[in-house]
N, C-alpha and C. Protein backbone atom coordinates (compact mmCIF):
# COMPACT_ATOMS: atom_id res chain seq x y z
N MET A 1 -22.50 11.71 -38.53
CA MET A 1 -21.75 11.60 -39.76
C MET A 1 -21.96 12.87 -40.58
N PRO A 2 -20.99 13.22 -41.41
CA PRO A 2 -21.16 14.38 -42.28
C PRO A 2 -22.40 14.22 -43.14
N GLY A 3 -23.13 15.30 -43.32
CA GLY A 3 -24.33 15.29 -44.13
C GLY A 3 -25.60 14.95 -43.37
N ALA A 4 -25.48 14.56 -42.12
CA ALA A 4 -26.66 14.18 -41.33
C ALA A 4 -27.62 15.35 -41.19
N ASP A 5 -27.08 16.57 -41.10
CA ASP A 5 -27.94 17.73 -40.89
C ASP A 5 -28.90 17.97 -42.06
N ARG A 6 -28.53 17.53 -43.28
CA ARG A 6 -29.43 17.69 -44.43
C ARG A 6 -30.70 16.87 -44.25
N ALA A 7 -30.59 15.69 -43.68
CA ALA A 7 -31.75 14.82 -43.52
C ALA A 7 -32.41 14.98 -42.15
N TRP A 8 -31.61 15.32 -41.14
CA TRP A 8 -32.10 15.35 -39.76
C TRP A 8 -32.41 16.74 -39.25
N GLY A 9 -31.80 17.76 -39.82
CA GLY A 9 -31.93 19.10 -39.25
C GLY A 9 -30.90 19.29 -38.16
N PRO A 10 -31.00 20.37 -37.40
CA PRO A 10 -29.95 20.71 -36.44
C PRO A 10 -29.92 19.85 -35.18
N ASP A 11 -30.97 19.05 -34.91
CA ASP A 11 -31.02 18.29 -33.66
C ASP A 11 -31.37 16.82 -33.92
N PRO A 12 -30.41 16.04 -34.46
CA PRO A 12 -30.73 14.64 -34.73
C PRO A 12 -31.04 13.85 -33.46
N ALA A 13 -30.37 14.15 -32.36
CA ALA A 13 -30.62 13.41 -31.12
C ALA A 13 -32.06 13.59 -30.66
N GLY A 14 -32.58 14.80 -30.76
CA GLY A 14 -33.97 15.05 -30.36
C GLY A 14 -34.96 14.31 -31.24
N GLN A 15 -34.68 14.24 -32.53
CA GLN A 15 -35.56 13.52 -33.44
C GLN A 15 -35.45 12.02 -33.24
N ALA A 16 -34.24 11.53 -32.98
CA ALA A 16 -34.05 10.09 -32.80
C ALA A 16 -34.74 9.59 -31.54
N ASP A 17 -34.94 10.47 -30.57
CA ASP A 17 -35.64 10.06 -29.36
C ASP A 17 -37.09 9.70 -29.64
N THR A 18 -37.61 10.12 -30.80
CA THR A 18 -38.99 9.78 -31.15
C THR A 18 -39.09 8.38 -31.76
N VAL A 19 -37.95 7.72 -32.00
CA VAL A 19 -37.96 6.35 -32.50
C VAL A 19 -38.18 5.45 -31.30
N HIS A 20 -39.35 4.86 -31.24
CA HIS A 20 -39.69 4.02 -30.11
C HIS A 20 -39.25 2.60 -30.37
N GLU A 21 -38.64 1.98 -29.36
CA GLU A 21 -38.13 0.64 -29.52
C GLU A 21 -39.22 -0.36 -29.90
N GLY A 22 -40.46 -0.11 -29.51
CA GLY A 22 -41.53 -1.04 -29.80
C GLY A 22 -41.93 -1.08 -31.25
N ASP A 23 -41.46 -0.14 -32.05
CA ASP A 23 -41.87 -0.09 -33.45
C ASP A 23 -40.83 -0.74 -34.37
N PRO A 24 -39.89 0.01 -34.94
CA PRO A 24 -39.00 -0.61 -35.92
C PRO A 24 -38.02 -1.62 -35.30
N LEU A 25 -37.80 -1.55 -34.00
CA LEU A 25 -36.87 -2.47 -33.36
C LEU A 25 -37.57 -3.65 -32.68
N ALA A 26 -38.87 -3.78 -32.86
CA ALA A 26 -39.66 -4.79 -32.14
C ALA A 26 -39.09 -6.20 -32.32
N ALA A 27 -38.63 -6.53 -33.50
CA ALA A 27 -38.11 -7.88 -33.74
C ALA A 27 -36.83 -8.16 -32.96
N TYR A 28 -36.19 -7.11 -32.46
CA TYR A 28 -34.92 -7.27 -31.76
C TYR A 28 -35.04 -7.12 -30.25
N ILE A 29 -36.20 -6.73 -29.78
CA ILE A 29 -36.39 -6.45 -28.36
C ILE A 29 -36.84 -7.71 -27.65
N ASP A 30 -36.21 -8.00 -26.53
CA ASP A 30 -36.59 -9.12 -25.67
C ASP A 30 -37.19 -8.52 -24.41
N ALA A 31 -38.50 -8.60 -24.30
CA ALA A 31 -39.19 -7.99 -23.16
C ALA A 31 -38.72 -8.55 -21.83
N GLY A 32 -38.21 -9.77 -21.81
CA GLY A 32 -37.75 -10.37 -20.56
C GLY A 32 -36.29 -10.11 -20.25
N GLY A 33 -35.55 -9.55 -21.21
CA GLY A 33 -34.12 -9.34 -21.01
C GLY A 33 -33.83 -8.01 -20.37
N THR A 34 -32.62 -7.86 -19.91
CA THR A 34 -32.17 -6.58 -19.35
C THR A 34 -30.88 -6.20 -20.04
N HIS A 35 -30.70 -4.92 -20.24
CA HIS A 35 -29.48 -4.44 -20.89
C HIS A 35 -28.30 -4.66 -19.96
N ARG A 36 -27.24 -5.16 -20.52
CA ARG A 36 -26.03 -5.39 -19.74
C ARG A 36 -25.48 -4.04 -19.30
N GLY A 37 -25.21 -3.90 -18.05
CA GLY A 37 -24.70 -2.63 -17.55
C GLY A 37 -23.20 -2.55 -17.62
N GLY A 38 -22.71 -1.49 -18.23
CA GLY A 38 -21.32 -1.17 -18.07
C GLY A 38 -20.36 -1.42 -19.18
N SER A 39 -20.03 -2.67 -19.53
CA SER A 39 -18.81 -2.91 -20.27
C SER A 39 -18.88 -2.64 -21.77
N SER A 40 -19.98 -2.83 -22.42
CA SER A 40 -20.05 -2.63 -23.87
C SER A 40 -20.59 -1.24 -24.20
N PRO A 41 -20.05 -0.63 -25.26
CA PRO A 41 -20.55 0.69 -25.65
C PRO A 41 -21.99 0.63 -26.15
N VAL A 42 -22.68 1.72 -26.00
CA VAL A 42 -24.00 1.90 -26.62
C VAL A 42 -23.76 2.89 -27.74
N LEU A 43 -23.96 2.45 -28.96
CA LEU A 43 -23.61 3.25 -30.13
C LEU A 43 -24.86 3.82 -30.78
N THR A 44 -24.82 5.10 -31.08
CA THR A 44 -25.87 5.76 -31.86
C THR A 44 -25.18 6.59 -32.93
N VAL A 45 -25.56 6.35 -34.19
CA VAL A 45 -24.99 7.08 -35.32
C VAL A 45 -26.14 7.68 -36.11
N TYR A 46 -26.01 8.96 -36.48
CA TYR A 46 -26.99 9.66 -37.31
C TYR A 46 -26.35 9.97 -38.65
N GLY A 47 -27.10 9.78 -39.73
CA GLY A 47 -26.56 10.09 -41.03
C GLY A 47 -27.66 10.17 -42.07
N ALA A 48 -27.24 10.19 -43.32
CA ALA A 48 -28.17 10.23 -44.45
C ALA A 48 -27.62 9.34 -45.55
N THR A 49 -28.51 8.66 -46.25
CA THR A 49 -28.10 7.82 -47.36
C THR A 49 -27.98 8.66 -48.63
N PRO A 50 -27.32 8.14 -49.66
CA PRO A 50 -27.20 8.91 -50.90
C PRO A 50 -28.55 9.31 -51.50
N ASP A 51 -29.60 8.52 -51.27
CA ASP A 51 -30.91 8.88 -51.82
C ASP A 51 -31.73 9.76 -50.87
N GLY A 52 -31.09 10.27 -49.80
CA GLY A 52 -31.72 11.25 -48.92
C GLY A 52 -32.48 10.71 -47.72
N ARG A 53 -32.48 9.39 -47.51
CA ARG A 53 -33.17 8.85 -46.35
C ARG A 53 -32.39 9.14 -45.07
N ARG A 54 -33.12 9.31 -43.96
CA ARG A 54 -32.47 9.43 -42.66
C ARG A 54 -31.95 8.06 -42.26
N LEU A 55 -30.76 8.04 -41.69
CA LEU A 55 -30.10 6.82 -41.28
C LEU A 55 -29.82 6.91 -39.79
N LEU A 56 -30.19 5.87 -39.06
CA LEU A 56 -29.96 5.81 -37.63
C LEU A 56 -29.42 4.43 -37.30
N LEU A 57 -28.31 4.37 -36.59
CA LEU A 57 -27.75 3.10 -36.14
C LEU A 57 -27.90 3.04 -34.63
N ARG A 58 -28.41 1.93 -34.13
CA ARG A 58 -28.58 1.72 -32.69
C ARG A 58 -27.98 0.37 -32.31
N THR A 59 -27.57 0.25 -31.05
CA THR A 59 -27.13 -1.04 -30.53
C THR A 59 -28.13 -1.54 -29.50
N ILE A 60 -28.26 -2.84 -29.45
CA ILE A 60 -29.07 -3.50 -28.42
C ILE A 60 -28.26 -4.67 -27.90
N GLN A 61 -28.18 -4.77 -26.59
CA GLN A 61 -27.47 -5.91 -26.00
C GLN A 61 -28.20 -6.34 -24.74
N TYR A 62 -28.38 -7.64 -24.61
CA TYR A 62 -29.02 -8.20 -23.43
C TYR A 62 -28.05 -9.12 -22.72
N ASP A 63 -28.00 -8.97 -21.43
CA ASP A 63 -27.19 -9.85 -20.58
C ASP A 63 -25.79 -10.00 -21.17
N ASP A 64 -25.33 -11.22 -21.38
CA ASP A 64 -24.00 -11.45 -21.93
C ASP A 64 -24.02 -11.77 -23.42
N ASP A 65 -25.16 -11.55 -24.07
CA ASP A 65 -25.25 -11.79 -25.51
C ASP A 65 -24.38 -10.77 -26.25
N PRO A 66 -23.98 -11.09 -27.48
CA PRO A 66 -23.24 -10.10 -28.28
C PRO A 66 -24.12 -8.87 -28.55
N ALA A 67 -23.49 -7.74 -28.75
CA ALA A 67 -24.21 -6.51 -29.06
C ALA A 67 -24.65 -6.54 -30.52
N ARG A 68 -25.94 -6.33 -30.74
CA ARG A 68 -26.48 -6.28 -32.10
C ARG A 68 -26.53 -4.82 -32.52
N VAL A 69 -26.13 -4.56 -33.77
CA VAL A 69 -26.25 -3.22 -34.34
C VAL A 69 -27.33 -3.27 -35.41
N ILE A 70 -28.20 -2.27 -35.40
CA ILE A 70 -29.33 -2.23 -36.32
C ILE A 70 -29.35 -0.89 -37.02
N ALA A 71 -29.36 -0.92 -38.34
CA ALA A 71 -29.48 0.30 -39.14
C ALA A 71 -30.95 0.49 -39.48
N LEU A 72 -31.46 1.68 -39.19
CA LEU A 72 -32.84 2.04 -39.47
C LEU A 72 -32.84 3.13 -40.53
N LEU A 73 -33.79 3.07 -41.46
CA LEU A 73 -33.90 4.06 -42.51
C LEU A 73 -35.32 4.62 -42.55
N ALA A 74 -35.44 5.91 -42.90
CA ALA A 74 -36.75 6.55 -43.04
C ALA A 74 -36.67 7.64 -44.09
N ARG A 75 -37.72 7.75 -44.89
CA ARG A 75 -37.84 8.84 -45.86
C ARG A 75 -38.63 9.97 -45.20
N GLY A 76 -38.07 11.16 -45.19
CA GLY A 76 -38.77 12.31 -44.62
C GLY A 76 -39.25 12.04 -43.22
N ASP A 77 -40.54 12.28 -42.99
CA ASP A 77 -41.13 12.06 -41.67
C ASP A 77 -41.76 10.68 -41.52
N ALA A 78 -41.57 9.81 -42.50
CA ALA A 78 -42.14 8.46 -42.43
C ALA A 78 -41.48 7.69 -41.28
N PRO A 79 -42.14 6.67 -40.79
CA PRO A 79 -41.56 5.86 -39.70
C PRO A 79 -40.29 5.15 -40.16
N PHE A 80 -39.40 4.94 -39.21
CA PHE A 80 -38.18 4.18 -39.49
C PHE A 80 -38.51 2.72 -39.71
N GLN A 81 -37.70 2.09 -40.56
CA GLN A 81 -37.78 0.65 -40.80
C GLN A 81 -36.39 0.07 -40.60
N ALA A 82 -36.32 -1.09 -39.94
CA ALA A 82 -35.03 -1.79 -39.81
C ALA A 82 -34.59 -2.21 -41.20
N ALA A 83 -33.36 -1.85 -41.58
CA ALA A 83 -32.88 -2.12 -42.93
C ALA A 83 -31.73 -3.12 -42.97
N ALA A 84 -30.94 -3.19 -41.91
CA ALA A 84 -29.80 -4.10 -41.86
C ALA A 84 -29.42 -4.31 -40.40
N SER A 85 -28.90 -5.49 -40.11
CA SER A 85 -28.44 -5.73 -38.74
C SER A 85 -27.28 -6.71 -38.76
N GLY A 86 -26.54 -6.70 -37.69
CA GLY A 86 -25.41 -7.60 -37.52
C GLY A 86 -24.94 -7.49 -36.08
N PHE A 87 -23.78 -8.02 -35.80
CA PHE A 87 -23.24 -7.97 -34.45
C PHE A 87 -21.97 -7.15 -34.43
N ALA A 88 -21.79 -6.38 -33.38
CA ALA A 88 -20.56 -5.60 -33.19
C ALA A 88 -19.52 -6.50 -32.55
N ASP A 89 -18.29 -6.32 -32.96
CA ASP A 89 -17.16 -7.00 -32.33
C ASP A 89 -16.26 -5.91 -31.78
N TRP A 90 -16.47 -5.57 -30.51
CA TRP A 90 -15.76 -4.43 -29.91
C TRP A 90 -14.26 -4.67 -29.80
N THR A 91 -13.79 -5.91 -30.02
CA THR A 91 -12.35 -6.18 -29.96
C THR A 91 -11.68 -6.03 -31.33
N ALA A 92 -12.46 -5.90 -32.39
CA ALA A 92 -11.91 -5.80 -33.74
C ALA A 92 -11.53 -4.37 -34.07
N PRO A 93 -10.60 -4.17 -35.01
CA PRO A 93 -10.23 -2.81 -35.41
C PRO A 93 -11.43 -2.04 -35.99
N LEU A 94 -12.34 -2.76 -36.66
CA LEU A 94 -13.54 -2.15 -37.24
C LEU A 94 -14.75 -2.89 -36.65
N PRO A 95 -15.24 -2.43 -35.50
CA PRO A 95 -16.29 -3.16 -34.79
C PRO A 95 -17.62 -3.26 -35.51
N VAL A 96 -17.95 -2.27 -36.35
CA VAL A 96 -19.26 -2.26 -37.01
C VAL A 96 -19.08 -2.12 -38.51
N ARG A 97 -19.71 -3.03 -39.27
CA ARG A 97 -19.82 -2.92 -40.73
C ARG A 97 -21.13 -3.55 -41.15
N LEU A 98 -21.95 -2.73 -41.75
CA LEU A 98 -23.26 -3.17 -42.22
C LEU A 98 -23.48 -2.69 -43.66
N ARG A 99 -23.83 -3.61 -44.52
CA ARG A 99 -24.16 -3.24 -45.91
C ARG A 99 -25.63 -2.87 -45.94
N LEU A 100 -25.93 -1.65 -46.38
CA LEU A 100 -27.31 -1.19 -46.47
C LEU A 100 -27.95 -1.69 -47.76
N PRO A 101 -29.28 -1.82 -47.77
CA PRO A 101 -29.97 -2.30 -48.98
C PRO A 101 -29.99 -1.24 -50.08
N ASP A 102 -30.40 -1.67 -51.25
CA ASP A 102 -30.61 -0.79 -52.40
C ASP A 102 -29.34 -0.06 -52.84
N GLY A 103 -28.17 -0.64 -52.58
CA GLY A 103 -26.92 -0.03 -52.99
C GLY A 103 -26.60 1.28 -52.29
N GLN A 104 -27.15 1.48 -51.09
CA GLN A 104 -26.97 2.75 -50.37
C GLN A 104 -25.64 2.85 -49.65
N GLY A 105 -24.85 1.79 -49.62
CA GLY A 105 -23.51 1.89 -49.07
C GLY A 105 -23.26 0.93 -47.93
N ILE A 106 -22.10 1.11 -47.31
CA ILE A 106 -21.67 0.26 -46.20
C ILE A 106 -21.43 1.17 -45.01
N LEU A 107 -22.15 0.94 -43.94
CA LEU A 107 -22.01 1.74 -42.72
C LEU A 107 -20.94 1.11 -41.86
N ILE A 108 -19.93 1.91 -41.49
CA ILE A 108 -18.84 1.42 -40.64
C ILE A 108 -18.71 2.33 -39.43
N ALA A 109 -18.18 1.78 -38.33
CA ALA A 109 -17.95 2.58 -37.13
C ALA A 109 -16.81 1.98 -36.33
N ALA A 110 -15.94 2.86 -35.85
CA ALA A 110 -14.84 2.51 -34.95
C ALA A 110 -14.55 3.77 -34.13
N GLU A 111 -14.99 3.78 -32.90
CA GLU A 111 -14.91 4.98 -32.07
C GLU A 111 -13.48 5.50 -31.94
N GLY A 112 -13.31 6.78 -32.26
CA GLY A 112 -12.02 7.45 -32.12
C GLY A 112 -11.06 7.22 -33.27
N ALA A 113 -11.40 6.36 -34.22
CA ALA A 113 -10.48 6.00 -35.30
C ALA A 113 -10.64 6.91 -36.50
N ALA A 114 -9.53 7.11 -37.21
CA ALA A 114 -9.56 7.75 -38.53
C ALA A 114 -9.84 6.65 -39.54
N LEU A 115 -10.74 6.93 -40.48
CA LEU A 115 -11.20 5.91 -41.43
C LEU A 115 -10.91 6.34 -42.86
N SER A 116 -10.51 5.38 -43.68
CA SER A 116 -10.38 5.61 -45.11
C SER A 116 -10.78 4.32 -45.82
N TYR A 117 -11.07 4.42 -47.10
CA TYR A 117 -11.52 3.25 -47.86
C TYR A 117 -10.98 3.32 -49.27
N ARG A 118 -11.08 2.18 -49.93
CA ARG A 118 -10.79 2.17 -51.36
C ARG A 118 -11.67 1.14 -52.05
N VAL A 119 -11.77 1.32 -53.35
CA VAL A 119 -12.53 0.40 -54.19
C VAL A 119 -11.51 -0.34 -55.03
N GLY A 120 -11.50 -1.66 -54.90
CA GLY A 120 -10.51 -2.47 -55.63
C GLY A 120 -9.10 -2.07 -55.23
N ALA A 121 -8.25 -1.86 -56.23
CA ALA A 121 -6.87 -1.44 -55.98
C ALA A 121 -6.72 0.07 -56.13
N GLY A 122 -7.83 0.79 -56.08
CA GLY A 122 -7.81 2.25 -56.25
C GLY A 122 -7.14 2.97 -55.10
N ARG A 123 -7.14 4.29 -55.19
CA ARG A 123 -6.52 5.14 -54.18
C ARG A 123 -7.36 5.15 -52.91
N TRP A 124 -6.70 5.35 -51.78
CA TRP A 124 -7.38 5.47 -50.50
C TRP A 124 -8.09 6.82 -50.43
N GLN A 125 -9.33 6.79 -49.97
CA GLN A 125 -10.15 7.99 -49.84
C GLN A 125 -10.45 8.22 -48.36
N ASP A 126 -10.31 9.45 -47.90
CA ASP A 126 -10.62 9.78 -46.51
C ASP A 126 -12.10 9.60 -46.24
N ALA A 127 -12.44 8.98 -45.10
CA ALA A 127 -13.84 8.78 -44.73
C ALA A 127 -14.16 9.42 -43.38
N GLY A 128 -13.24 10.23 -42.86
CA GLY A 128 -13.50 10.92 -41.60
C GLY A 128 -13.13 10.08 -40.39
N ARG A 129 -13.78 10.40 -39.27
CA ARG A 129 -13.49 9.73 -38.00
C ARG A 129 -14.76 9.11 -37.43
N ASN A 130 -14.58 8.10 -36.64
CA ASN A 130 -15.64 7.44 -35.85
C ASN A 130 -16.61 6.60 -36.67
N ALA A 131 -17.30 7.19 -37.61
CA ALA A 131 -18.29 6.45 -38.41
C ALA A 131 -18.38 7.06 -39.80
N ALA A 132 -18.74 6.22 -40.77
CA ALA A 132 -18.87 6.69 -42.15
C ALA A 132 -19.81 5.78 -42.92
N LEU A 133 -20.40 6.35 -43.95
CA LEU A 133 -21.17 5.58 -44.90
C LEU A 133 -20.35 5.55 -46.19
N LEU A 134 -19.82 4.37 -46.50
CA LEU A 134 -18.96 4.21 -47.67
C LEU A 134 -19.79 3.88 -48.89
N PRO A 135 -19.25 4.12 -50.09
CA PRO A 135 -19.94 3.69 -51.30
C PRO A 135 -20.11 2.17 -51.29
N ALA A 136 -21.15 1.70 -51.94
CA ALA A 136 -21.45 0.26 -51.96
C ALA A 136 -20.32 -0.57 -52.56
N GLY A 137 -19.51 0.03 -53.44
CA GLY A 137 -18.41 -0.70 -54.08
C GLY A 137 -17.12 -0.75 -53.28
N ALA A 138 -17.09 -0.16 -52.10
CA ALA A 138 -15.86 -0.17 -51.29
C ALA A 138 -15.45 -1.62 -51.01
N THR A 139 -14.14 -1.86 -51.05
CA THR A 139 -13.64 -3.22 -50.84
C THR A 139 -12.76 -3.35 -49.61
N GLU A 140 -12.13 -2.26 -49.18
CA GLU A 140 -11.26 -2.29 -48.00
C GLU A 140 -11.41 -1.01 -47.21
N VAL A 141 -11.20 -1.14 -45.90
CA VAL A 141 -11.23 0.00 -45.00
C VAL A 141 -9.90 0.03 -44.24
N ARG A 142 -9.32 1.20 -44.14
CA ARG A 142 -8.13 1.39 -43.31
C ARG A 142 -8.58 2.09 -42.04
N VAL A 143 -8.27 1.49 -40.91
CA VAL A 143 -8.66 2.00 -39.61
C VAL A 143 -7.40 2.39 -38.85
N THR A 144 -7.29 3.67 -38.49
CA THR A 144 -6.15 4.13 -37.69
C THR A 144 -6.69 4.50 -36.31
N ALA A 145 -6.35 3.67 -35.33
CA ALA A 145 -6.82 3.86 -33.96
C ALA A 145 -6.19 5.10 -33.35
N PRO A 146 -6.77 5.62 -32.28
CA PRO A 146 -6.20 6.81 -31.63
C PRO A 146 -4.75 6.64 -31.20
N ASP A 147 -4.33 5.41 -30.93
CA ASP A 147 -2.94 5.17 -30.52
C ASP A 147 -1.99 5.07 -31.72
N GLY A 148 -2.53 5.23 -32.96
CA GLY A 148 -1.72 5.21 -34.16
C GLY A 148 -1.64 3.85 -34.84
N GLU A 149 -2.13 2.81 -34.19
CA GLU A 149 -2.10 1.49 -34.80
C GLU A 149 -3.07 1.45 -35.99
N THR A 150 -2.59 0.89 -37.10
CA THR A 150 -3.38 0.87 -38.32
C THR A 150 -3.68 -0.57 -38.73
N ALA A 151 -4.91 -0.80 -39.18
CA ALA A 151 -5.32 -2.11 -39.69
C ALA A 151 -6.08 -1.89 -40.98
N THR A 152 -5.92 -2.83 -41.92
CA THR A 152 -6.68 -2.83 -43.16
C THR A 152 -7.67 -3.99 -43.08
N VAL A 153 -8.93 -3.66 -43.28
CA VAL A 153 -10.01 -4.63 -43.10
C VAL A 153 -10.76 -4.78 -44.41
N PRO A 154 -10.90 -6.01 -44.93
CA PRO A 154 -11.71 -6.20 -46.13
C PRO A 154 -13.19 -6.01 -45.80
N VAL A 155 -13.93 -5.47 -46.75
CA VAL A 155 -15.37 -5.29 -46.58
C VAL A 155 -16.04 -6.39 -47.36
N GLY A 156 -16.68 -7.31 -46.67
CA GLY A 156 -17.34 -8.44 -47.33
C GLY A 156 -18.61 -8.02 -48.03
N SER A 157 -19.14 -8.92 -48.84
CA SER A 157 -20.37 -8.63 -49.56
C SER A 157 -21.59 -8.87 -48.69
């Protein structure tokens, strides 16, 4: 996401590899399960919150269970903490929407889509492509898929 380099530096993928599943994701890991091979995407998003924390989104899926998305936050070099989680719906126009704590915004993701948002009945604001961190007051998201199909999705509380 735009602005990730301020919190992550030039190599977010290299830093994110230091996040061990046994630590901040421990509550979501099933030692007896196996990751479903093939059909569902594995999503990783790097970003920064308005207050400067590093933001990392990961997916975990076991067998035929729904894919869980988990937002992790960390200040500076401190360890990541799970901050929000939910389930991805890969068939929906906006598969991922997570409200972050402390008014830090709403994390959305739709691979390949152009994204925009608005607050109330206000003007539509560009949010880029693929993933974005919207202001906490956002009420609707417009998702334009790569094929040009557009959907408007309300952002719940």
